Amino acid sequence: MSDNGVSEELGKNNHPVYISAVIFLLKIVFFIYDLIVYIPFKIWADPSQKLRMSQRSKASPIKDGDPTSPWRHNNVKDGQLTTCVFPGCHTLADQWNECVKKYGDLDCLGTREVLSIHKEKQKNGKIFEKWVMGEYHWRSFKNVDKRANMVASAFASIGCKKNDKIILFAETREEWVITALACFKSCLPGL
């Protein structure tokens, strides 16, 4: 059947009256929905303004004409940068302690178990690893802080003193983050 034949079939009014009534009611419902949702959206949300805002310049180099200089957001180009998240907390350890006070029971660090690793050889000879991961297991801010305090105590017990240097050489994972927090708490600059 051609497109014209389909149009002719659909154009015929040979369906029952109740279907015509349902179609008419649906047209009214959709029209009312458009009045309630679409028209206010066009008036207040103004998608064309959002498009203009997304296309504007949001950042520029500090030194005009030098794209290699640091870039800053246009709204704060000449203003002060924020130096701490929480007022009065000037060290990373203080910032962390304030986070623990404020967000104690919330999720902080999530880890996932590696269930299996599938190795596929690519056409170019490289081996591609596809990891199948399990669900996230979360530690709260309080739990992470408790573990960081234990690591900081361990540093003290082996004779680490303030400003001794510590080298952390590991993958970025839960243990690394906790050890870094322990370094911040113990005033041990991690390298």
N, C-alpha and C. Protein backbone atom coordinates (compact mmCIF):
# COMPACT_ATOMS: atom_id res chain seq x y z
N MET A 1 0.85 -1.17 0.00
CA MET A 1 0.00 0.00 0.00
C MET A 1 0.90 1.24 0.00
N SER A 2 0.63 2.19 -0.85
CA SER A 2 1.45 3.40 -0.94
C SER A 2 1.11 4.37 0.18
N ASP A 3 1.94 5.41 0.30
CA ASP A 3 1.69 6.43 1.32
C ASP A 3 0.35 7.11 1.13
N ASN A 4 -0.02 7.33 -0.12
CA ASN A 4 -1.31 7.97 -0.39
C ASN A 4 -2.45 7.06 0.05
N GLY A 5 -2.29 5.76 -0.16
CA GLY A 5 -3.32 4.80 0.25
C GLY A 5 -3.48 4.78 1.76
N VAL A 6 -2.36 4.86 2.48
CA VAL A 6 -2.41 4.89 3.94
C VAL A 6 -3.11 6.16 4.41
N SER A 7 -2.78 7.29 3.79
CA SER A 7 -3.40 8.56 4.16
C SER A 7 -4.90 8.51 3.92
N GLU A 8 -5.30 7.90 2.82
CA GLU A 8 -6.73 7.79 2.53
C GLU A 8 -7.43 6.93 3.56
N GLU A 9 -6.80 5.80 3.94
CA GLU A 9 -7.40 4.91 4.94
C GLU A 9 -7.54 5.61 6.28
N LEU A 10 -6.50 6.34 6.66
CA LEU A 10 -6.55 7.04 7.94
C LEU A 10 -7.55 8.19 7.91
N GLY A 11 -7.76 8.78 6.74
CA GLY A 11 -8.66 9.92 6.61
C GLY A 11 -10.13 9.53 6.67
N LYS A 12 -10.43 8.28 6.43
CA LYS A 12 -11.83 7.84 6.45
C LYS A 12 -12.36 7.85 7.88
N ASN A 13 -13.61 8.18 8.01
CA ASN A 13 -14.27 8.19 9.31
C ASN A 13 -15.13 6.95 9.48
N ASN A 14 -14.53 5.80 9.32
CA ASN A 14 -15.31 4.57 9.45
C ASN A 14 -15.00 3.85 10.76
N HIS A 15 -14.58 4.58 11.80
CA HIS A 15 -14.35 3.95 13.10
C HIS A 15 -15.53 4.27 14.01
N PRO A 16 -15.69 3.48 15.07
CA PRO A 16 -16.84 3.66 15.96
C PRO A 16 -16.85 5.04 16.62
N VAL A 17 -18.02 5.43 17.07
CA VAL A 17 -18.23 6.74 17.69
C VAL A 17 -17.40 6.88 18.97
N TYR A 18 -17.30 5.81 19.78
CA TYR A 18 -16.55 5.92 21.04
C TYR A 18 -15.07 6.22 20.79
N ILE A 19 -14.51 5.72 19.70
CA ILE A 19 -13.11 6.02 19.38
C ILE A 19 -12.99 7.49 18.99
N SER A 20 -13.94 7.99 18.22
CA SER A 20 -13.94 9.41 17.87
C SER A 20 -14.03 10.27 19.12
N ALA A 21 -14.86 9.85 20.09
CA ALA A 21 -15.01 10.60 21.34
C ALA A 21 -13.71 10.59 22.13
N VAL A 22 -13.05 9.43 22.21
CA VAL A 22 -11.78 9.33 22.94
C VAL A 22 -10.72 10.21 22.28
N ILE A 23 -10.66 10.18 20.96
CA ILE A 23 -9.69 11.00 20.23
C ILE A 23 -9.96 12.48 20.49
N PHE A 24 -11.24 12.87 20.45
CA PHE A 24 -11.61 14.26 20.71
C PHE A 24 -11.21 14.68 22.12
N LEU A 25 -11.47 13.81 23.13
CA LEU A 25 -11.09 14.11 24.51
C LEU A 25 -9.57 14.24 24.66
N LEU A 26 -8.83 13.34 24.00
CA LEU A 26 -7.36 13.42 24.05
C LEU A 26 -6.86 14.72 23.44
N LYS A 27 -7.47 15.15 22.33
CA LYS A 27 -7.07 16.42 21.72
C LYS A 27 -7.29 17.58 22.68
N ILE A 28 -8.42 17.56 23.40
CA ILE A 28 -8.71 18.61 24.38
C ILE A 28 -7.69 18.58 25.52
N VAL A 29 -7.40 17.36 26.04
CA VAL A 29 -6.43 17.22 27.13
C VAL A 29 -5.06 17.73 26.70
N PHE A 30 -4.61 17.35 25.50
CA PHE A 30 -3.30 17.80 25.03
C PHE A 30 -3.26 19.31 24.80
N PHE A 31 -4.36 19.87 24.32
CA PHE A 31 -4.43 21.31 24.12
C PHE A 31 -4.32 22.04 25.46
N ILE A 32 -5.06 21.57 26.45
CA ILE A 32 -5.02 22.17 27.79
C ILE A 32 -3.62 22.01 28.39
N TYR A 33 -3.02 20.83 28.21
CA TYR A 33 -1.66 20.59 28.71
C TYR A 33 -0.68 21.59 28.08
N ASP A 34 -0.80 21.81 26.77
CA ASP A 34 0.07 22.78 26.10
C ASP A 34 -0.12 24.18 26.67
N LEU A 35 -1.38 24.55 26.94
CA LEU A 35 -1.63 25.87 27.52
C LEU A 35 -0.98 26.00 28.89
N ILE A 36 -1.07 24.94 29.69
CA ILE A 36 -0.55 24.98 31.06
C ILE A 36 0.97 24.89 31.10
N VAL A 37 1.57 24.09 30.22
CA VAL A 37 3.01 23.82 30.30
C VAL A 37 3.83 24.56 29.25
N TYR A 38 3.50 24.41 28.00
CA TYR A 38 4.36 24.90 26.93
C TYR A 38 4.41 26.42 26.86
N ILE A 39 3.26 27.06 26.92
CA ILE A 39 3.23 28.52 26.80
C ILE A 39 3.97 29.19 27.96
N PRO A 40 3.72 28.81 29.23
CA PRO A 40 4.53 29.41 30.31
C PRO A 40 6.03 29.10 30.15
N PHE A 41 6.34 27.91 29.67
CA PHE A 41 7.75 27.55 29.44
C PHE A 41 8.38 28.52 28.44
N LYS A 42 7.68 28.79 27.35
CA LYS A 42 8.21 29.70 26.33
C LYS A 42 8.36 31.12 26.88
N ILE A 43 7.43 31.52 27.79
CA ILE A 43 7.48 32.87 28.33
C ILE A 43 8.60 33.01 29.35
N TRP A 44 8.68 32.09 30.33
CA TRP A 44 9.61 32.26 31.45
C TRP A 44 10.95 31.55 31.27
N ALA A 45 10.97 30.41 30.62
CA ALA A 45 12.24 29.68 30.49
C ALA A 45 13.07 30.20 29.33
N ASP A 46 12.45 30.78 28.34
CA ASP A 46 13.10 31.38 27.18
C ASP A 46 14.33 30.60 26.71
N PRO A 47 14.12 29.51 25.98
CA PRO A 47 15.24 28.70 25.51
C PRO A 47 16.25 29.48 24.67
N SER A 48 15.81 30.51 23.95
CA SER A 48 16.76 31.28 23.14
C SER A 48 17.74 32.04 24.05
N GLN A 49 17.26 32.51 25.22
CA GLN A 49 18.17 33.18 26.16
C GLN A 49 19.15 32.17 26.75
N LYS A 50 18.68 30.96 27.05
CA LYS A 50 19.58 29.93 27.56
C LYS A 50 20.66 29.61 26.53
N LEU A 51 20.28 29.57 25.26
CA LEU A 51 21.25 29.30 24.21
C LEU A 51 22.28 30.42 24.14
N ARG A 52 21.82 31.68 24.22
CA ARG A 52 22.76 32.81 24.21
C ARG A 52 23.70 32.73 25.41
N MET A 53 23.16 32.40 26.58
CA MET A 53 23.99 32.31 27.79
C MET A 53 25.03 31.19 27.66
N SER A 54 24.66 30.08 27.03
CA SER A 54 25.60 28.97 26.91
C SER A 54 26.70 29.27 25.90
N GLN A 55 26.43 30.20 24.97
CA GLN A 55 27.42 30.51 23.94
C GLN A 55 28.32 31.69 24.32
N ARG A 56 28.04 32.36 25.43
CA ARG A 56 28.84 33.52 25.83
C ARG A 56 30.21 33.06 26.34
N SER A 57 31.14 33.98 26.37
CA SER A 57 32.47 33.70 26.92
C SER A 57 32.36 33.63 28.43
N LYS A 58 32.81 32.53 29.01
CA LYS A 58 32.68 32.34 30.46
C LYS A 58 33.99 32.58 31.19
N ALA A 59 35.10 32.48 30.48
CA ALA A 59 36.41 32.67 31.11
C ALA A 59 37.34 33.35 30.11
N SER A 60 38.35 34.01 30.65
CA SER A 60 39.33 34.66 29.79
C SER A 60 40.68 34.66 30.50
N PRO A 61 41.77 34.79 29.72
CA PRO A 61 43.09 34.78 30.34
C PRO A 61 43.29 36.02 31.21
N ILE A 62 44.07 35.86 32.27
CA ILE A 62 44.35 36.98 33.18
C ILE A 62 45.10 38.09 32.43
N LYS A 63 46.07 37.71 31.60
CA LYS A 63 46.80 38.68 30.78
C LYS A 63 46.14 38.70 29.41
N ASP A 64 45.53 39.83 29.06
CA ASP A 64 44.84 39.94 27.78
C ASP A 64 45.80 39.65 26.63
N GLY A 65 45.34 38.84 25.69
CA GLY A 65 46.14 38.50 24.52
C GLY A 65 47.13 37.37 24.74
N ASP A 66 47.23 36.85 25.95
CA ASP A 66 48.16 35.75 26.24
C ASP A 66 47.36 34.51 26.65
N PRO A 67 47.02 33.64 25.69
CA PRO A 67 46.20 32.47 26.02
C PRO A 67 46.91 31.44 26.89
N THR A 68 48.24 31.62 27.11
CA THR A 68 48.96 30.68 27.97
C THR A 68 48.93 31.10 29.43
N SER A 69 48.44 32.31 29.72
CA SER A 69 48.36 32.73 31.12
C SER A 69 47.17 32.03 31.79
N PRO A 70 47.13 32.01 33.11
CA PRO A 70 46.00 31.37 33.80
C PRO A 70 44.67 32.01 33.39
N TRP A 71 43.63 31.19 33.38
CA TRP A 71 42.29 31.67 33.01
C TRP A 71 41.45 31.79 34.26
N ARG A 72 40.55 32.78 34.28
CA ARG A 72 39.63 32.99 35.39
C ARG A 72 38.23 33.20 34.84
N HIS A 73 37.24 32.87 35.63
CA HIS A 73 35.85 33.12 35.26
C HIS A 73 35.65 34.62 35.12
N ASN A 74 34.90 35.04 34.12
CA ASN A 74 34.71 36.47 33.87
C ASN A 74 34.07 37.21 35.04
N ASN A 75 33.22 36.54 35.80
CA ASN A 75 32.55 37.21 36.92
C ASN A 75 33.50 37.54 38.06
N VAL A 76 34.63 36.84 38.17
CA VAL A 76 35.56 37.07 39.28
C VAL A 76 36.99 37.31 38.78
N LYS A 77 37.12 37.79 37.57
CA LYS A 77 38.45 37.93 36.97
C LYS A 77 39.37 38.81 37.82
N ASP A 78 38.85 39.90 38.35
CA ASP A 78 39.69 40.81 39.13
C ASP A 78 39.46 40.66 40.63
N GLY A 79 38.62 39.70 41.04
CA GLY A 79 38.31 39.52 42.45
C GLY A 79 39.25 38.54 43.13
N GLN A 80 39.04 38.35 44.42
CA GLN A 80 39.84 37.43 45.21
C GLN A 80 39.39 36.00 44.96
N LEU A 81 40.32 35.10 44.90
CA LEU A 81 40.00 33.68 44.84
C LEU A 81 39.64 33.19 46.24
N THR A 82 38.77 32.21 46.30
CA THR A 82 38.44 31.61 47.59
C THR A 82 39.63 30.77 48.03
N THR A 83 40.09 31.00 49.24
CA THR A 83 41.25 30.25 49.73
C THR A 83 40.86 29.12 50.66
N CYS A 84 39.64 29.18 51.21
CA CYS A 84 39.19 28.07 52.05
C CYS A 84 37.67 27.95 51.95
N VAL A 85 37.21 26.73 52.05
CA VAL A 85 35.78 26.46 51.94
C VAL A 85 35.05 26.92 53.20
N PHE A 86 35.63 26.63 54.34
CA PHE A 86 35.03 26.99 55.62
C PHE A 86 35.83 28.13 56.25
N PRO A 87 35.18 29.24 56.58
CA PRO A 87 35.89 30.37 57.19
C PRO A 87 36.59 29.94 58.49
N GLY A 88 37.80 30.42 58.67
CA GLY A 88 38.55 30.11 59.87
C GLY A 88 39.34 28.81 59.79
N CYS A 89 39.15 28.05 58.74
CA CYS A 89 39.89 26.79 58.56
C CYS A 89 40.96 27.03 57.50
N HIS A 90 42.20 27.13 57.92
CA HIS A 90 43.26 27.52 56.99
C HIS A 90 44.19 26.39 56.60
N THR A 91 44.04 25.21 57.18
CA THR A 91 44.86 24.07 56.77
C THR A 91 43.94 22.99 56.23
N LEU A 92 44.53 22.06 55.48
CA LEU A 92 43.74 20.95 54.95
C LEU A 92 43.15 20.12 56.08
N ALA A 93 43.91 19.95 57.15
CA ALA A 93 43.40 19.18 58.30
C ALA A 93 42.19 19.87 58.91
N ASP A 94 42.24 21.21 59.06
CA ASP A 94 41.09 21.95 59.59
C ASP A 94 39.89 21.83 58.66
N GLN A 95 40.13 21.93 57.36
CA GLN A 95 39.04 21.80 56.38
C GLN A 95 38.40 20.41 56.51
N TRP A 96 39.24 19.38 56.61
CA TRP A 96 38.73 18.02 56.73
C TRP A 96 37.93 17.86 58.02
N ASN A 97 38.44 18.34 59.13
CA ASN A 97 37.73 18.22 60.41
C ASN A 97 36.37 18.91 60.35
N GLU A 98 36.30 20.04 59.68
CA GLU A 98 35.02 20.75 59.54
C GLU A 98 34.04 19.93 58.68
N CYS A 99 34.57 19.29 57.64
CA CYS A 99 33.72 18.40 56.81
C CYS A 99 33.16 17.26 57.64
N VAL A 100 34.00 16.68 58.48
CA VAL A 100 33.56 15.57 59.33
C VAL A 100 32.46 16.04 60.27
N LYS A 101 32.63 17.24 60.87
CA LYS A 101 31.59 17.77 61.76
C LYS A 101 30.28 18.00 61.01
N LYS A 102 30.39 18.54 59.81
CA LYS A 102 29.20 18.94 59.06
C LYS A 102 28.51 17.76 58.37
N TYR A 103 29.28 16.82 57.83
CA TYR A 103 28.71 15.74 57.01
C TYR A 103 28.95 14.36 57.59
N GLY A 104 29.28 14.25 58.86
CA GLY A 104 29.72 13.02 59.52
C GLY A 104 29.14 11.71 59.05
N ASP A 105 27.81 11.58 59.00
CA ASP A 105 27.20 10.29 58.68
C ASP A 105 26.93 10.11 57.19
N LEU A 106 27.24 11.09 56.36
CA LEU A 106 27.01 10.98 54.92
C LEU A 106 28.13 10.17 54.26
N ASP A 107 27.84 9.65 53.07
CA ASP A 107 28.82 8.88 52.31
C ASP A 107 30.00 9.77 51.91
N CYS A 108 31.19 9.23 52.06
CA CYS A 108 32.41 9.98 51.73
C CYS A 108 33.21 9.27 50.64
N LEU A 109 33.66 8.06 50.92
CA LEU A 109 34.47 7.30 49.96
C LEU A 109 33.74 6.04 49.54
N GLY A 110 33.65 5.83 48.25
CA GLY A 110 33.02 4.63 47.74
C GLY A 110 34.02 3.78 46.98
N THR A 111 33.99 2.48 47.23
CA THR A 111 34.85 1.56 46.49
C THR A 111 33.99 0.47 45.88
N ARG A 112 34.50 -0.10 44.80
CA ARG A 112 33.79 -1.18 44.13
C ARG A 112 34.72 -2.37 43.99
N GLU A 113 34.17 -3.54 44.18
CA GLU A 113 34.94 -4.77 44.04
C GLU A 113 35.03 -5.12 42.56
N VAL A 114 36.22 -5.57 42.14
CA VAL A 114 36.39 -6.05 40.77
C VAL A 114 35.91 -7.49 40.74
N LEU A 115 34.82 -7.74 40.00
CA LEU A 115 34.26 -9.09 39.94
C LEU A 115 35.02 -9.97 38.95
N SER A 116 35.35 -9.39 37.80
CA SER A 116 36.12 -10.15 36.81
C SER A 116 36.78 -9.18 35.84
N ILE A 117 37.83 -9.69 35.18
CA ILE A 117 38.54 -8.91 34.17
C ILE A 117 38.58 -9.73 32.89
N HIS A 118 38.06 -9.14 31.82
CA HIS A 118 38.08 -9.80 30.52
C HIS A 118 39.14 -9.11 29.66
N LYS A 119 40.04 -9.91 29.09
CA LYS A 119 41.09 -9.36 28.24
C LYS A 119 40.75 -9.65 26.79
N GLU A 120 40.77 -8.59 25.98
CA GLU A 120 40.49 -8.72 24.55
C GLU A 120 41.68 -8.18 23.78
N LYS A 121 42.14 -8.96 22.80
CA LYS A 121 43.24 -8.50 21.97
C LYS A 121 42.67 -7.66 20.83
N GLN A 122 43.18 -6.43 20.68
CA GLN A 122 42.71 -5.52 19.64
C GLN A 122 43.42 -5.84 18.32
N LYS A 123 42.90 -5.27 17.23
CA LYS A 123 43.50 -5.48 15.91
C LYS A 123 44.93 -4.96 15.84
N ASN A 124 45.22 -3.91 16.62
CA ASN A 124 46.57 -3.34 16.61
C ASN A 124 47.54 -4.10 17.51
N GLY A 125 47.08 -5.18 18.14
CA GLY A 125 47.94 -6.01 18.97
C GLY A 125 47.89 -5.69 20.45
N LYS A 126 47.30 -4.57 20.82
CA LYS A 126 47.23 -4.19 22.23
C LYS A 126 46.16 -5.02 22.94
N ILE A 127 46.38 -5.24 24.22
CA ILE A 127 45.42 -5.97 25.05
C ILE A 127 44.50 -4.95 25.73
N PHE A 128 43.20 -5.12 25.54
CA PHE A 128 42.20 -4.25 26.16
C PHE A 128 41.56 -5.01 27.30
N GLU A 129 41.58 -4.40 28.50
CA GLU A 129 40.97 -5.04 29.67
C GLU A 129 39.61 -4.42 29.94
N LYS A 130 38.61 -5.26 30.07
CA LYS A 130 37.27 -4.80 30.42
C LYS A 130 36.98 -5.33 31.82
N TRP A 131 36.75 -4.42 32.75
CA TRP A 131 36.52 -4.80 34.14
C TRP A 131 35.03 -4.84 34.42
N VAL A 132 34.59 -5.90 35.07
CA VAL A 132 33.21 -6.00 35.55
C VAL A 132 33.26 -5.68 37.04
N MET A 133 32.55 -4.62 37.42
CA MET A 133 32.63 -4.11 38.79
C MET A 133 31.35 -4.43 39.56
N GLY A 134 31.50 -4.59 40.87
CA GLY A 134 30.36 -4.82 41.76
C GLY A 134 29.74 -3.51 42.21
N GLU A 135 28.88 -3.60 43.19
CA GLU A 135 28.21 -2.42 43.74
C GLU A 135 29.18 -1.60 44.59
N TYR A 136 28.84 -0.33 44.80
CA TYR A 136 29.65 0.53 45.66
C TYR A 136 29.47 0.15 47.12
N HIS A 137 30.56 0.21 47.87
CA HIS A 137 30.54 0.07 49.33
C HIS A 137 31.05 1.40 49.87
N TRP A 138 30.24 2.05 50.68
CA TRP A 138 30.54 3.42 51.12
C TRP A 138 31.05 3.47 52.55
N ARG A 139 31.95 4.41 52.80
CA ARG A 139 32.40 4.75 54.15
C ARG A 139 31.96 6.18 54.42
N SER A 140 31.47 6.41 55.63
CA SER A 140 31.02 7.75 56.01
C SER A 140 32.22 8.63 56.32
N PHE A 141 31.98 9.93 56.41
CA PHE A 141 33.05 10.86 56.78
C PHE A 141 33.63 10.48 58.14
N LYS A 142 32.76 10.13 59.10
CA LYS A 142 33.25 9.76 60.43
C LYS A 142 34.13 8.52 60.37
N ASN A 143 33.73 7.53 59.58
CA ASN A 143 34.50 6.30 59.47
C ASN A 143 35.85 6.56 58.81
N VAL A 144 35.85 7.36 57.75
CA VAL A 144 37.11 7.70 57.08
C VAL A 144 38.02 8.47 58.05
N ASP A 145 37.43 9.39 58.82
CA ASP A 145 38.22 10.16 59.78
C ASP A 145 38.83 9.26 60.85
N LYS A 146 38.05 8.29 61.32
CA LYS A 146 38.55 7.34 62.33
C LYS A 146 39.75 6.57 61.78
N ARG A 147 39.65 6.11 60.53
CA ARG A 147 40.75 5.37 59.91
C ARG A 147 41.97 6.27 59.69
N ALA A 148 41.73 7.53 59.29
CA ALA A 148 42.84 8.47 59.09
C ALA A 148 43.54 8.74 60.42
N ASN A 149 42.78 8.84 61.51
CA ASN A 149 43.38 9.04 62.83
C ASN A 149 44.24 7.84 63.23
N MET A 150 43.79 6.63 62.88
CA MET A 150 44.59 5.43 63.20
C MET A 150 45.90 5.44 62.42
N VAL A 151 45.84 5.84 61.13
CA VAL A 151 47.07 5.91 60.33
C VAL A 151 47.99 7.00 60.88
N ALA A 152 47.41 8.14 61.27
CA ALA A 152 48.22 9.23 61.86
C ALA A 152 48.90 8.75 63.14
N SER A 153 48.18 7.96 63.96
CA SER A 153 48.78 7.40 65.18
C SER A 153 49.91 6.44 64.83
N ALA A 154 49.72 5.68 63.76
CA ALA A 154 50.78 4.76 63.32
C ALA A 154 52.02 5.53 62.89
N PHE A 155 51.83 6.65 62.19
CA PHE A 155 52.98 7.49 61.82
C PHE A 155 53.73 7.96 63.07
N ALA A 156 52.97 8.41 64.07
CA ALA A 156 53.60 8.89 65.32
C ALA A 156 54.34 7.76 66.02
N SER A 157 53.77 6.55 65.99
CA SER A 157 54.39 5.42 66.70
C SER A 157 55.69 4.96 66.05
N ILE A 158 55.86 5.24 64.75
CA ILE A 158 57.12 4.85 64.10
C ILE A 158 58.13 6.00 64.08
N GLY A 159 57.77 7.10 64.77
CA GLY A 159 58.73 8.19 64.94
C GLY A 159 58.63 9.32 63.94
N CYS A 160 57.59 9.39 63.15
CA CYS A 160 57.44 10.52 62.22
C CYS A 160 57.12 11.78 63.01
N LYS A 161 57.85 12.85 62.70
CA LYS A 161 57.63 14.12 63.38
C LYS A 161 57.10 15.15 62.38
N LYS A 162 56.58 16.25 62.92
CA LYS A 162 56.03 17.32 62.10
C LYS A 162 57.04 17.73 61.03
N ASN A 163 56.54 17.87 59.80
CA ASN A 163 57.30 18.28 58.62
C ASN A 163 58.28 17.23 58.09
N ASP A 164 58.28 16.00 58.63
CA ASP A 164 58.99 14.91 57.96
C ASP A 164 58.27 14.66 56.64
N LYS A 165 59.04 14.30 55.63
CA LYS A 165 58.42 14.07 54.32
C LYS A 165 58.01 12.61 54.17
N ILE A 166 56.86 12.42 53.55
CA ILE A 166 56.34 11.07 53.31
C ILE A 166 56.06 10.95 51.82
N ILE A 167 56.43 9.84 51.23
CA ILE A 167 56.13 9.60 49.82
C ILE A 167 55.02 8.56 49.74
N LEU A 168 53.94 8.94 49.06
CA LEU A 168 52.83 8.00 48.83
C LEU A 168 52.94 7.54 47.38
N PHE A 169 53.17 6.27 47.21
CA PHE A 169 53.27 5.72 45.87
C PHE A 169 52.25 4.61 45.76
N ALA A 170 51.10 4.92 45.20
CA ALA A 170 50.02 3.93 45.11
C ALA A 170 49.00 4.41 44.10
N GLU A 171 48.12 3.49 43.73
CA GLU A 171 46.99 3.87 42.89
C GLU A 171 46.09 4.80 43.68
N THR A 172 45.33 5.61 42.98
CA THR A 172 44.36 6.46 43.67
C THR A 172 43.20 5.58 44.11
N ARG A 173 43.16 5.31 45.37
CA ARG A 173 42.14 4.44 45.93
C ARG A 173 41.90 4.82 47.38
N GLU A 174 40.99 4.14 48.03
CA GLU A 174 40.59 4.48 49.39
C GLU A 174 41.78 4.57 50.34
N GLU A 175 42.66 3.60 50.32
CA GLU A 175 43.80 3.58 51.24
C GLU A 175 44.72 4.78 51.01
N TRP A 176 44.89 5.17 49.76
CA TRP A 176 45.74 6.32 49.45
C TRP A 176 45.12 7.59 50.03
N VAL A 177 43.81 7.79 49.82
CA VAL A 177 43.14 8.99 50.32
C VAL A 177 43.22 9.05 51.84
N ILE A 178 42.98 7.92 52.50
CA ILE A 178 43.02 7.90 53.97
C ILE A 178 44.43 8.20 54.46
N THR A 179 45.45 7.67 53.80
CA THR A 179 46.84 7.95 54.18
C THR A 179 47.17 9.42 53.96
N ALA A 180 46.69 9.99 52.86
CA ALA A 180 46.93 11.42 52.60
C ALA A 180 46.27 12.27 53.68
N LEU A 181 45.05 11.92 54.09
CA LEU A 181 44.38 12.65 55.17
C LEU A 181 45.18 12.54 56.47
N ALA A 182 45.72 11.35 56.73
CA ALA A 182 46.54 11.17 57.94
C ALA A 182 47.78 12.06 57.88
N CYS A 183 48.37 12.20 56.69
CA CYS A 183 49.52 13.10 56.53
C CYS A 183 49.13 14.54 56.83
N PHE A 184 47.97 14.97 56.31
CA PHE A 184 47.52 16.34 56.57
C PHE A 184 47.32 16.57 58.06
N LYS A 185 46.71 15.58 58.74
CA LYS A 185 46.44 15.72 60.17
C LYS A 185 47.74 15.75 60.99
N SER A 186 48.78 15.08 60.50
CA SER A 186 50.04 14.98 61.24
C SER A 186 51.07 16.02 60.80
N CYS A 187 50.68 16.93 59.90
CA CYS A 187 51.60 17.94 59.35
C CYS A 187 52.80 17.27 58.68
N LEU A 188 52.52 16.20 57.94
CA LEU A 188 53.55 15.50 57.19
C LEU A 188 53.32 15.78 55.71
N PRO A 189 54.16 16.59 55.08
CA PRO A 189 53.94 16.88 53.67
C PRO A 189 54.13 15.62 52.83
N GLY A 190 53.07 15.22 52.15
CA GLY A 190 53.16 14.04 51.28
C GLY A 190 53.66 14.42 49.91
N LEU A 191 54.52 13.60 49.38
CA LEU A 191 55.08 13.83 48.04
C LEU A 191 54.56 12.78 47.09
